[in-house]
């Protein structure tokens, strides 16, 4: 396990390298991020960003999404994969947001997890990006990088979330996870990590071991 001092140095270095840790998914309304994240499961953010403008133009409100024709919705989101399940989840979640939450995206993990298609990764993203609460978004980049760096030694997302919540300063946790995504795409890729230009190369256990 890395020391607290080393973890704080990793945070500092990644912050210097990626000063603007923003989510790549594009949205204007809170629920748009919720549904964009659902569409992003097993799909790239770039692909989702080509789909959502069409989706939200056709269905510009929660009410419209709740009443959407499933077949038409499936056609719009078809290219993101698993479109049948995702379409059903979006319609059902829209209805629940209207019926149980007054048309607002809830701000607790417990309520978010009640929404169809929402798991801990999506819930944490919403809590961090929409409500500015401490959050740990464990996606594929977080799993890969947190293991490579030496923050964790497990591929289990729930266990990784628990470890990172314990070792990261709460105020830094959400942005840290965004920075892992940015670093994972730009440098520490799955197949060919470019360790020679990595800003944390002097700390990463993959290189030091």
Protein backbone atom coordinates (compact mmCIF):
# COMPACT_ATOMS: atom_id res chain seq x y z
CA UNK A 1 0.00 0.00 0.00
CA UNK A 2 1.28 3.45 -0.89
CA UNK A 3 1.90 5.90 1.91
CA UNK A 4 -0.37 8.89 2.47
CA UNK A 5 2.47 11.18 1.42
CA UNK A 6 2.90 9.30 -1.86
CA UNK A 7 -0.83 9.37 -2.58
CA UNK A 8 -0.92 13.13 -2.02
CA UNK A 9 2.02 13.48 -4.42
CA UNK A 10 0.18 11.44 -7.06
CA UNK A 11 -2.83 13.72 -6.65
CA UNK A 12 -0.60 16.79 -6.99
CA UNK A 13 1.14 15.54 -10.11
CA UNK A 14 -2.06 14.51 -11.87
CA UNK A 15 -3.65 17.82 -10.93
CA UNK A 16 -0.74 19.68 -12.52
CA UNK A 17 -0.97 17.55 -15.65
CA UNK A 18 -4.78 17.72 -15.95
CA UNK A 19 -5.92 20.99 -14.35
CA UNK A 20 -9.47 20.74 -15.70
CA UNK A 21 -10.85 17.31 -14.75
CA UNK A 22 -14.14 17.48 -16.62
CA UNK A 23 -16.42 14.68 -17.69
CA UNK A 24 -16.22 13.99 -21.42
CA UNK A 25 -19.98 13.43 -21.69
CA UNK A 26 -21.82 16.50 -22.93
CA UNK A 27 -25.03 17.63 -21.23
CA UNK A 28 -27.07 20.67 -20.23
CA UNK A 29 -29.62 19.27 -17.77
CA UNK A 30 -28.93 17.04 -14.78
CA UNK A 31 -30.95 14.13 -16.13
CA UNK A 32 -29.14 14.39 -19.46
CA UNK A 33 -25.89 13.43 -17.74
CA UNK A 34 -27.70 10.59 -15.98
CA UNK A 35 -28.94 9.13 -19.25
CA UNK A 36 -25.73 9.86 -21.17
CA UNK A 37 -23.87 7.84 -18.56
CA UNK A 38 -26.34 4.99 -19.02
CA UNK A 39 -25.78 5.09 -22.77
CA UNK A 40 -22.01 5.09 -22.23
CA UNK A 41 -22.04 1.58 -20.74
CA UNK A 42 -19.98 -0.56 -23.16
CA UNK A 43 -19.78 2.44 -25.49
CA UNK A 44 -17.38 5.34 -25.95
CA UNK A 45 -18.15 8.83 -24.68
CA UNK A 46 -17.45 10.16 -28.15
CA UNK A 47 -20.15 7.94 -29.64
CA UNK A 48 -22.63 8.91 -26.93
CA UNK A 49 -21.96 12.60 -27.63
CA UNK A 50 -23.13 12.06 -31.21
CA UNK A 51 -26.32 10.35 -30.06
CA UNK A 52 -27.53 12.58 -27.24
CA UNK A 53 -28.12 15.76 -29.29
CA UNK A 54 -30.49 13.79 -31.52
CA UNK A 55 -32.09 12.11 -28.52
CA UNK A 56 -32.75 15.29 -26.56
CA UNK A 57 -33.94 17.20 -29.61
CA UNK A 58 -36.55 14.53 -30.23
CA UNK A 59 -37.41 14.20 -26.53
CA UNK A 60 -36.69 17.60 -24.95
CA UNK A 61 -38.11 16.88 -21.49
CA UNK A 62 -38.46 14.13 -18.91
CA UNK A 63 -42.14 13.95 -19.74
CA UNK A 64 -41.35 13.36 -23.40
CA UNK A 65 -38.83 10.65 -22.51
CA UNK A 66 -41.28 8.96 -20.13
CA UNK A 67 -43.85 8.81 -22.95
CA UNK A 68 -41.36 7.90 -25.67
CA UNK A 69 -42.12 5.23 -28.21
CA UNK A 70 -39.69 2.46 -27.32
CA UNK A 71 -39.04 1.41 -30.90
CA UNK A 72 -38.28 4.96 -31.99
CA UNK A 73 -36.03 5.48 -28.98
CA UNK A 74 -34.22 2.24 -29.79
CA UNK A 75 -33.56 3.45 -33.33
CA UNK A 76 -32.06 6.71 -32.06
CA UNK A 77 -29.68 5.04 -29.59
CA UNK A 78 -29.06 1.88 -31.61
CA UNK A 79 -25.38 2.57 -32.33
CA UNK A 80 -24.43 2.70 -28.64
CA UNK A 81 -25.11 -1.01 -28.13
CA UNK A 82 -27.46 -2.82 -25.75
CA UNK A 83 -30.02 -0.34 -27.05
CA UNK A 84 -33.12 -2.30 -26.05
CA UNK A 85 -32.19 -2.46 -22.38
CA UNK A 86 -30.94 1.12 -22.36
CA UNK A 87 -34.12 2.40 -24.00
CA UNK A 88 -36.31 0.65 -21.42
CA UNK A 89 -34.17 1.99 -18.58
CA UNK A 90 -34.35 5.58 -19.85
CA UNK A 91 -38.14 5.49 -20.20
CA UNK A 92 -38.63 3.83 -16.81
CA UNK A 93 -36.16 6.12 -15.05
CA UNK A 94 -37.81 9.20 -16.57
CA UNK A 95 -41.17 8.06 -15.24
CA UNK A 96 -39.69 7.42 -11.80
CA UNK A 97 -37.98 10.80 -11.69
CA UNK A 98 -41.32 12.45 -12.44
CA UNK A 99 -43.46 10.26 -10.22
CA UNK A 100 -41.24 9.90 -7.17
CA UNK A 101 -38.70 12.72 -7.26
CA UNK A 102 -40.66 15.68 -8.59
CA UNK A 103 -38.77 15.70 -11.86
CA UNK A 104 -35.44 16.18 -10.11
CA UNK A 105 -32.40 13.91 -10.12
CA UNK A 106 -31.97 12.73 -6.51
CA UNK A 107 -28.84 13.62 -4.58
CA UNK A 108 -28.27 10.49 -2.49
CA UNK A 109 -26.67 7.20 -3.40
CA UNK A 110 -29.66 5.28 -2.05
CA UNK A 111 -32.20 7.11 -4.22
CA UNK A 112 -30.03 7.08 -7.33
CA UNK A 113 -29.57 3.32 -7.09
CA UNK A 114 -33.34 2.90 -7.16
CA UNK A 115 -33.47 4.27 -10.70
CA UNK A 116 -33.56 1.65 -13.48
CA UNK A 117 -30.15 1.10 -15.03
CA UNK A 118 -28.25 3.10 -12.43
CA UNK A 119 -25.34 1.42 -10.65
CA UNK A 120 -22.72 2.78 -8.30
CA UNK A 121 -20.52 4.13 -11.09
CA UNK A 122 -23.31 6.24 -12.54
CA UNK A 123 -24.56 7.29 -9.11
CA UNK A 124 -21.08 8.41 -8.06
CA UNK A 125 -20.66 10.42 -11.26
CA UNK A 126 -23.93 12.24 -10.61
CA UNK A 127 -23.09 12.88 -6.96
CA UNK A 128 -19.68 14.27 -7.86
CA UNK A 129 -20.43 16.25 -11.02
CA UNK A 130 -23.94 17.48 -10.32
CA UNK A 131 -24.00 17.81 -6.55
CA UNK A 132 -20.29 18.34 -5.80
CA UNK A 133 -20.27 15.58 -3.22
CA UNK A 134 -17.31 13.30 -2.50
CA UNK A 135 -17.52 10.51 -5.07
CA UNK A 136 -15.41 7.69 -6.47
CA UNK A 137 -16.27 6.73 -10.05
CA UNK A 138 -14.81 3.29 -10.70
CA UNK A 139 -14.73 2.82 -14.45
CA UNK A 140 -12.37 0.78 -16.61
CA UNK A 141 -9.66 3.45 -16.45
CA UNK A 142 -9.91 3.72 -12.68
CA UNK A 143 -9.66 -0.05 -12.31
CA UNK A 144 -6.63 -0.30 -14.59
CA UNK A 145 -4.71 2.72 -13.31
CA UNK A 146 -5.39 2.31 -9.61
CA UNK A 147 -3.98 -1.22 -9.87
CA UNK A 148 -0.99 -0.21 -11.98
CA UNK A 149 -0.11 2.72 -9.75
CA UNK A 150 -0.39 0.58 -6.64
CA UNK A 151 -3.39 2.16 -4.98
CA UNK A 152 -5.28 -1.14 -4.96
CA UNK A 153 -4.69 -4.81 -5.74
CA UNK A 154 -8.13 -5.91 -6.86
CA UNK A 155 -10.31 -5.67 -9.96
CA UNK A 156 -13.54 -5.61 -7.91
CA UNK A 157 -15.18 -2.18 -8.43
CA UNK A 158 -16.89 -2.19 -5.03
CA UNK A 159 -13.63 -2.96 -3.24
CA UNK A 160 -11.76 -0.36 -5.28
CA UNK A 161 -14.34 2.27 -4.41
CA UNK A 162 -14.02 1.45 -0.72
CA UNK A 163 -10.21 1.63 -0.80
CA UNK A 164 -10.12 4.91 -2.72
CA UNK A 165 -12.70 6.47 -0.42
CA UNK A 166 -10.44 5.56 2.46
CA UNK A 167 -7.15 6.86 1.02
CA UNK A 168 -8.23 9.90 -1.02
CA UNK A 169 -9.11 13.26 0.54
CA UNK A 170 -12.91 13.53 0.05
CA UNK A 171 -12.63 16.92 -1.65
CA UNK A 172 -10.23 15.44 -4.23
CA UNK A 173 -11.88 12.09 -4.92
CA UNK A 174 -14.26 13.00 -7.74
CA UNK A 175 -11.71 15.08 -9.66
CA UNK A 176 -9.05 12.42 -9.08
CA UNK A 177 -11.20 9.83 -10.84
CA UNK A 178 -11.75 12.19 -13.78
CA UNK A 179 -8.00 12.69 -13.97
CA UNK A 180 -7.46 8.93 -14.06
CA UNK A 181 -9.77 8.78 -17.08
CA UNK A 182 -7.87 11.55 -18.83
CA UNK A 183 -4.51 9.95 -18.00
CA UNK A 184 -5.77 6.52 -19.04
CA UNK A 185 -6.80 7.81 -22.44
CA UNK A 186 -3.76 9.98 -23.11
CA UNK A 187 -0.85 8.08 -21.53
CA UNK A 188 -1.61 4.98 -19.46
CA UNK A 189 -3.57 3.13 -22.10
CA UNK A 190 -4.66 -0.46 -21.77
CA UNK A 191 -2.40 -1.93 -24.47
CA UNK A 192 0.53 0.46 -24.77
CA UNK A 193 1.15 2.71 -21.75
CA UNK A 194 3.61 5.48 -22.64
CA UNK A 195 5.57 5.33 -19.41
CA UNK A 196 8.35 7.54 -20.76
CA UNK A 197 6.12 10.61 -20.70
CA UNK A 198 4.04 9.72 -17.63
CA UNK A 199 3.89 12.45 -15.01
CA UNK A 200 3.80 9.91 -12.17
CA UNK A 201 6.38 7.50 -13.59
CA UNK A 202 8.66 8.05 -10.62
CA UNK A 203 5.96 6.81 -8.24
CA UNK A 204 4.02 4.19 -10.21
CA UNK A 205 4.61 0.72 -8.80
CA UNK A 206 4.36 -0.84 -12.29
CA UNK A 207 7.52 1.00 -13.27
CA UNK A 208 9.27 0.88 -9.91
CA UNK A 209 8.81 -2.88 -9.46
